[in-house]
């Protein structure tokens, strides 16, 4: 039996408990179910098990970086289609290049503008439903 992809579930992969909490509070208030992981490895594992509708990924994470976690998720058939929004304090053109090379779907700089974040989440969730995953 395949895990059901729950569109309204957001996985936050963020090591800073304050930022994680702020994201969780804002997302919950918008009606999203929220899962959280505090490092890259745990984030990859949680994504595989829970099949969230979307992932918010920090870059500077313990164990493996957000870039590496994103690459692993995009290579894994079970998680390859889950949209990933990278959240980072760095916003150089090199960061942007890494973002898309690793396979993330969108990029946002911290501090987070929540109206903009919710718009991106909705846009990516709607896009992923226009193209349902192909059964393997």
C-alpha atoms as a PDB file:
ATOM      1  CA  UNK A   1       0.000   0.000   0.000  1.00  0.00           C
ATOM      2  CA  UNK A   2       1.304   3.420  -0.946  1.00  0.00           C
ATOM      3  CA  UNK A   3       1.564   6.258   1.570  1.00  0.00           C
ATOM      4  CA  UNK A   4      -1.013   8.893   0.871  1.00  0.00           C
ATOM      5  CA  UNK A   5       0.395  12.257  -0.045  1.00  0.00           C
ATOM      6  CA  UNK A   6      -1.388  14.694   2.223  1.00  0.00           C
ATOM      7  CA  UNK A   7      -1.387  18.029   0.418  1.00  0.00           C
ATOM      8  CA  UNK A   8      -1.979  20.118   3.502  1.00  0.00           C
ATOM      9  CA  UNK A   9       1.014  18.673   5.343  1.00  0.00           C
ATOM     10  CA  UNK A  10       4.129  20.847   5.485  1.00  0.00           C
ATOM     11  CA  UNK A  11       7.451  19.420   6.652  1.00  0.00           C
ATOM     12  CA  UNK A  12       9.787  22.018   8.179  1.00  0.00           C
ATOM     13  CA  UNK A  13      13.453  21.018   8.183  1.00  0.00           C
ATOM     14  CA  UNK A  14      15.066  23.696  10.361  1.00  0.00           C
ATOM     15  CA  UNK A  15      17.631  23.396  13.176  1.00  0.00           C
ATOM     16  CA  UNK A  16      16.816  26.702  14.895  1.00  0.00           C
ATOM     17  CA  UNK A  17      13.995  25.967  17.399  1.00  0.00           C
ATOM     18  CA  UNK A  18      12.804  29.602  17.406  1.00  0.00           C
ATOM     19  CA  UNK A  19      12.471  29.791  13.619  1.00  0.00           C
ATOM     20  CA  UNK A  20      10.933  26.289  13.549  1.00  0.00           C
ATOM     21  CA  UNK A  21       8.368  27.383  16.135  1.00  0.00           C
ATOM     22  CA  UNK A  22       7.503  30.623  14.289  1.00  0.00           C
ATOM     23  CA  UNK A  23       7.033  28.702  11.024  1.00  0.00           C
ATOM     24  CA  UNK A  24       4.956  26.035  12.767  1.00  0.00           C
ATOM     25  CA  UNK A  25       2.700  28.611  14.456  1.00  0.00           C
ATOM     26  CA  UNK A  26       2.109  30.566  11.231  1.00  0.00           C
ATOM     27  CA  UNK A  27       1.474  27.467   9.122  1.00  0.00           C
ATOM     28  CA  UNK A  28      -0.865  25.914  11.696  1.00  0.00           C
ATOM     29  CA  UNK A  29      -2.859  29.154  11.829  1.00  0.00           C
ATOM     30  CA  UNK A  30      -3.338  28.831   8.052  1.00  0.00           C
ATOM     31  CA  UNK A  31      -4.771  25.330   8.442  1.00  0.00           C
ATOM     32  CA  UNK A  32      -1.725  23.280   7.514  1.00  0.00           C
ATOM     33  CA  UNK A  33      -0.685  20.115   9.321  1.00  0.00           C
ATOM     34  CA  UNK A  34       2.944  20.625  10.322  1.00  0.00           C
ATOM     35  CA  UNK A  35       5.766  18.129  10.791  1.00  0.00           C
ATOM     36  CA  UNK A  36       9.226  19.222  11.855  1.00  0.00           C
ATOM     37  CA  UNK A  37      12.771  17.867  11.776  1.00  0.00           C
ATOM     38  CA  UNK A  38      15.803  19.555  13.293  1.00  0.00           C
ATOM     39  CA  UNK A  39      18.495  18.147  10.988  1.00  0.00           C
ATOM     40  CA  UNK A  40      18.962  17.081   7.383  1.00  0.00           C
ATOM     41  CA  UNK A  41      19.056  13.314   7.950  1.00  0.00           C
ATOM     42  CA  UNK A  42      15.953  13.343  10.138  1.00  0.00           C
ATOM     43  CA  UNK A  43      14.251  15.556   7.550  1.00  0.00           C
ATOM     44  CA  UNK A  44      14.954  13.124   4.704  1.00  0.00           C
ATOM     45  CA  UNK A  45      13.699  10.211   6.834  1.00  0.00           C
ATOM     46  CA  UNK A  46      10.524  12.076   7.872  1.00  0.00           C
ATOM     47  CA  UNK A  47       9.793  13.038   4.252  1.00  0.00           C
ATOM     48  CA  UNK A  48      10.093   9.403   3.125  1.00  0.00           C
ATOM     49  CA  UNK A  49       7.789   8.182   5.896  1.00  0.00           C
ATOM     50  CA  UNK A  50       5.189  10.960   5.932  1.00  0.00           C
ATOM     51  CA  UNK A  51       5.081  11.992   2.256  1.00  0.00           C
ATOM     52  CA  UNK A  52       4.228  15.651   3.039  1.00  0.00           C
ATOM     53  CA  UNK A  53       2.635  17.919   0.444  1.00  0.00           C
ATOM     54  CA  UNK A  54       5.580  20.345   0.606  1.00  0.00           C
ATOM     55  CA  UNK A  55       8.908  20.803   2.396  1.00  0.00           C
ATOM     56  CA  UNK A  56      10.447  23.990   3.824  1.00  0.00           C
ATOM     57  CA  UNK A  57      14.214  23.405   3.922  1.00  0.00           C
ATOM     58  CA  UNK A  58      16.856  25.349   5.818  1.00  0.00           C
ATOM     59  CA  UNK A  59      20.344  25.181   4.298  1.00  0.00           C
ATOM     60  CA  UNK A  60      22.660  25.225   7.306  1.00  0.00           C
ATOM     61  CA  UNK A  61      21.686  22.017   9.076  1.00  0.00           C
ATOM     62  CA  UNK A  62      23.477  19.523  11.326  1.00  0.00           C
ATOM     63  CA  UNK A  63      24.544  16.130   9.839  1.00  0.00           C
ATOM     64  CA  UNK A  64      23.881  16.971   6.188  1.00  0.00           C
ATOM     65  CA  UNK A  65      23.221  20.381   4.614  1.00  0.00           C
ATOM     66  CA  UNK A  66      19.896  21.415   3.146  1.00  0.00           C
ATOM     67  CA  UNK A  67      21.471  21.159  -0.312  1.00  0.00           C
ATOM     68  CA  UNK A  68      22.414  17.527   0.320  1.00  0.00           C
ATOM     69  CA  UNK A  69      19.037  16.708   1.884  1.00  0.00           C
ATOM     70  CA  UNK A  70      17.294  18.250  -1.149  1.00  0.00           C
ATOM     71  CA  UNK A  71      19.469  16.229  -3.560  1.00  0.00           C
ATOM     72  CA  UNK A  72      18.682  12.996  -1.687  1.00  0.00           C
ATOM     73  CA  UNK A  73      14.946  13.705  -1.669  1.00  0.00           C
ATOM     74  CA  UNK A  74      14.897  14.523  -5.394  1.00  0.00           C
ATOM     75  CA  UNK A  75      16.788  11.298  -6.225  1.00  0.00           C
ATOM     76  CA  UNK A  76      14.402   9.135  -4.190  1.00  0.00           C
ATOM     77  CA  UNK A  77      11.345   8.073  -6.288  1.00  0.00           C
ATOM     78  CA  UNK A  78       9.014   8.282  -3.242  1.00  0.00           C
ATOM     79  CA  UNK A  79       9.916  11.918  -2.532  1.00  0.00           C
ATOM     80  CA  UNK A  80      11.129  13.257  -5.887  1.00  0.00           C
ATOM     81  CA  UNK A  81       7.873  15.071  -6.681  1.00  0.00           C
ATOM     82  CA  UNK A  82       7.462  16.820  -3.312  1.00  0.00           C
ATOM     83  CA  UNK A  83       8.069  20.548  -3.842  1.00  0.00           C
ATOM     84  CA  UNK A  84      10.896  21.993  -1.722  1.00  0.00           C
ATOM     85  CA  UNK A  85      11.184  25.653  -0.760  1.00  0.00           C
ATOM     86  CA  UNK A  86      14.647  26.571   0.489  1.00  0.00           C
ATOM     87  CA  UNK A  87      14.695  29.091   3.349  1.00  0.00           C
ATOM     88  CA  UNK A  88      18.052  30.746   3.907  1.00  0.00           C
ATOM     89  CA  UNK A  89      19.747  33.821   5.273  1.00  0.00           C
ATOM     90  CA  UNK A  90      22.227  33.685   2.367  1.00  0.00           C
ATOM     91  CA  UNK A  91      21.023  34.980  -0.963  1.00  0.00           C
ATOM     92  CA  UNK A  92      24.041  35.241  -3.235  1.00  0.00           C
ATOM     93  CA  UNK A  93      23.755  34.266  -6.881  1.00  0.00           C
ATOM     94  CA  UNK A  94      25.813  31.176  -5.988  1.00  0.00           C
ATOM     95  CA  UNK A  95      23.199  30.182  -3.384  1.00  0.00           C
ATOM     96  CA  UNK A  96      20.493  30.590  -6.001  1.00  0.00           C
ATOM     97  CA  UNK A  97      22.510  28.425  -8.397  1.00  0.00           C
ATOM     98  CA  UNK A  98      22.971  25.712  -5.707  1.00  0.00           C
ATOM     99  CA  UNK A  99      19.260  25.907  -4.988  1.00  0.00           C
ATOM    100  CA  UNK A 100      18.261  24.921  -8.490  1.00  0.00           C
ATOM    101  CA  UNK A 101      21.187  22.525  -9.066  1.00  0.00           C
ATOM    102  CA  UNK A 102      20.159  20.544  -5.990  1.00  0.00           C
ATOM    103  CA  UNK A 103      16.581  20.379  -7.283  1.00  0.00           C
ATOM    104  CA  UNK A 104      14.657  22.740  -5.032  1.00  0.00           C
ATOM    105  CA  UNK A 105      11.521  24.340  -6.434  1.00  0.00           C
ATOM    106  CA  UNK A 106      11.680  27.795  -4.848  1.00  0.00           C
ATOM    107  CA  UNK A 107      13.966  29.972  -2.749  1.00  0.00           C
ATOM    108  CA  UNK A 108      13.155  32.454   0.015  1.00  0.00           C
ATOM    109  CA  UNK A 109      15.425  34.547   2.166  1.00  0.00           C
ATOM    110  CA  UNK A 110      15.081  34.999   5.921  1.00  0.00           C
ATOM    111  CA  UNK A 111      13.517  36.811   7.652  1.00  0.00           C
ATOM    112  CA  UNK A 112      10.466  35.098   6.148  1.00  0.00           C
ATOM    113  CA  UNK A 113       7.723  37.218   4.604  1.00  0.00           C
ATOM    114  CA  UNK A 114       4.739  35.025   5.478  1.00  0.00           C
ATOM    115  CA  UNK A 115       2.289  36.392   2.886  1.00  0.00           C
ATOM    116  CA  UNK A 116       4.869  35.596   0.210  1.00  0.00           C
ATOM    117  CA  UNK A 117       5.606  32.182   1.736  1.00  0.00           C
ATOM    118  CA  UNK A 118       1.909  31.191   1.778  1.00  0.00           C
ATOM    119  CA  UNK A 119       1.552  32.289  -1.856  1.00  0.00           C
ATOM    120  CA  UNK A 120       4.544  30.138  -2.857  1.00  0.00           C
ATOM    121  CA  UNK A 121       3.251  27.153  -0.894  1.00  0.00           C
ATOM    122  CA  UNK A 122      -0.184  27.356  -2.543  1.00  0.00           C
ATOM    123  CA  UNK A 123       1.343  27.807  -5.993  1.00  0.00           C
ATOM    124  CA  UNK A 124       3.625  24.765  -5.573  1.00  0.00           C
ATOM    125  CA  UNK A 125       0.912  22.594  -4.001  1.00  0.00           C
ATOM    126  CA  UNK A 126      -1.470  23.403  -6.850  1.00  0.00           C
ATOM    127  CA  UNK A 127       1.236  22.690  -9.413  1.00  0.00           C
ATOM    128  CA  UNK A 128       1.997  19.303  -7.866  1.00  0.00           C
ATOM    129  CA  UNK A 129      -1.712  18.355  -8.034  1.00  0.00           C
ATOM    130  CA  UNK A 130      -1.937  19.288 -11.683  1.00  0.00           C
ATOM    131  CA  UNK A 131       0.683  16.572 -12.246  1.00  0.00           C
ATOM    132  CA  UNK A 132      -0.100  13.644  -9.940  1.00  0.00           C
ATOM    133  CA  UNK A 133       2.774  11.215  -9.334  1.00  0.00           C
ATOM    134  CA  UNK A 134       2.985   8.392 -11.818  1.00  0.00           C
ATOM    135  CA  UNK A 135       2.371   5.007 -10.202  1.00  0.00           C
ATOM    136  CA  UNK A 136       5.474   2.806 -10.396  1.00  0.00           C
END
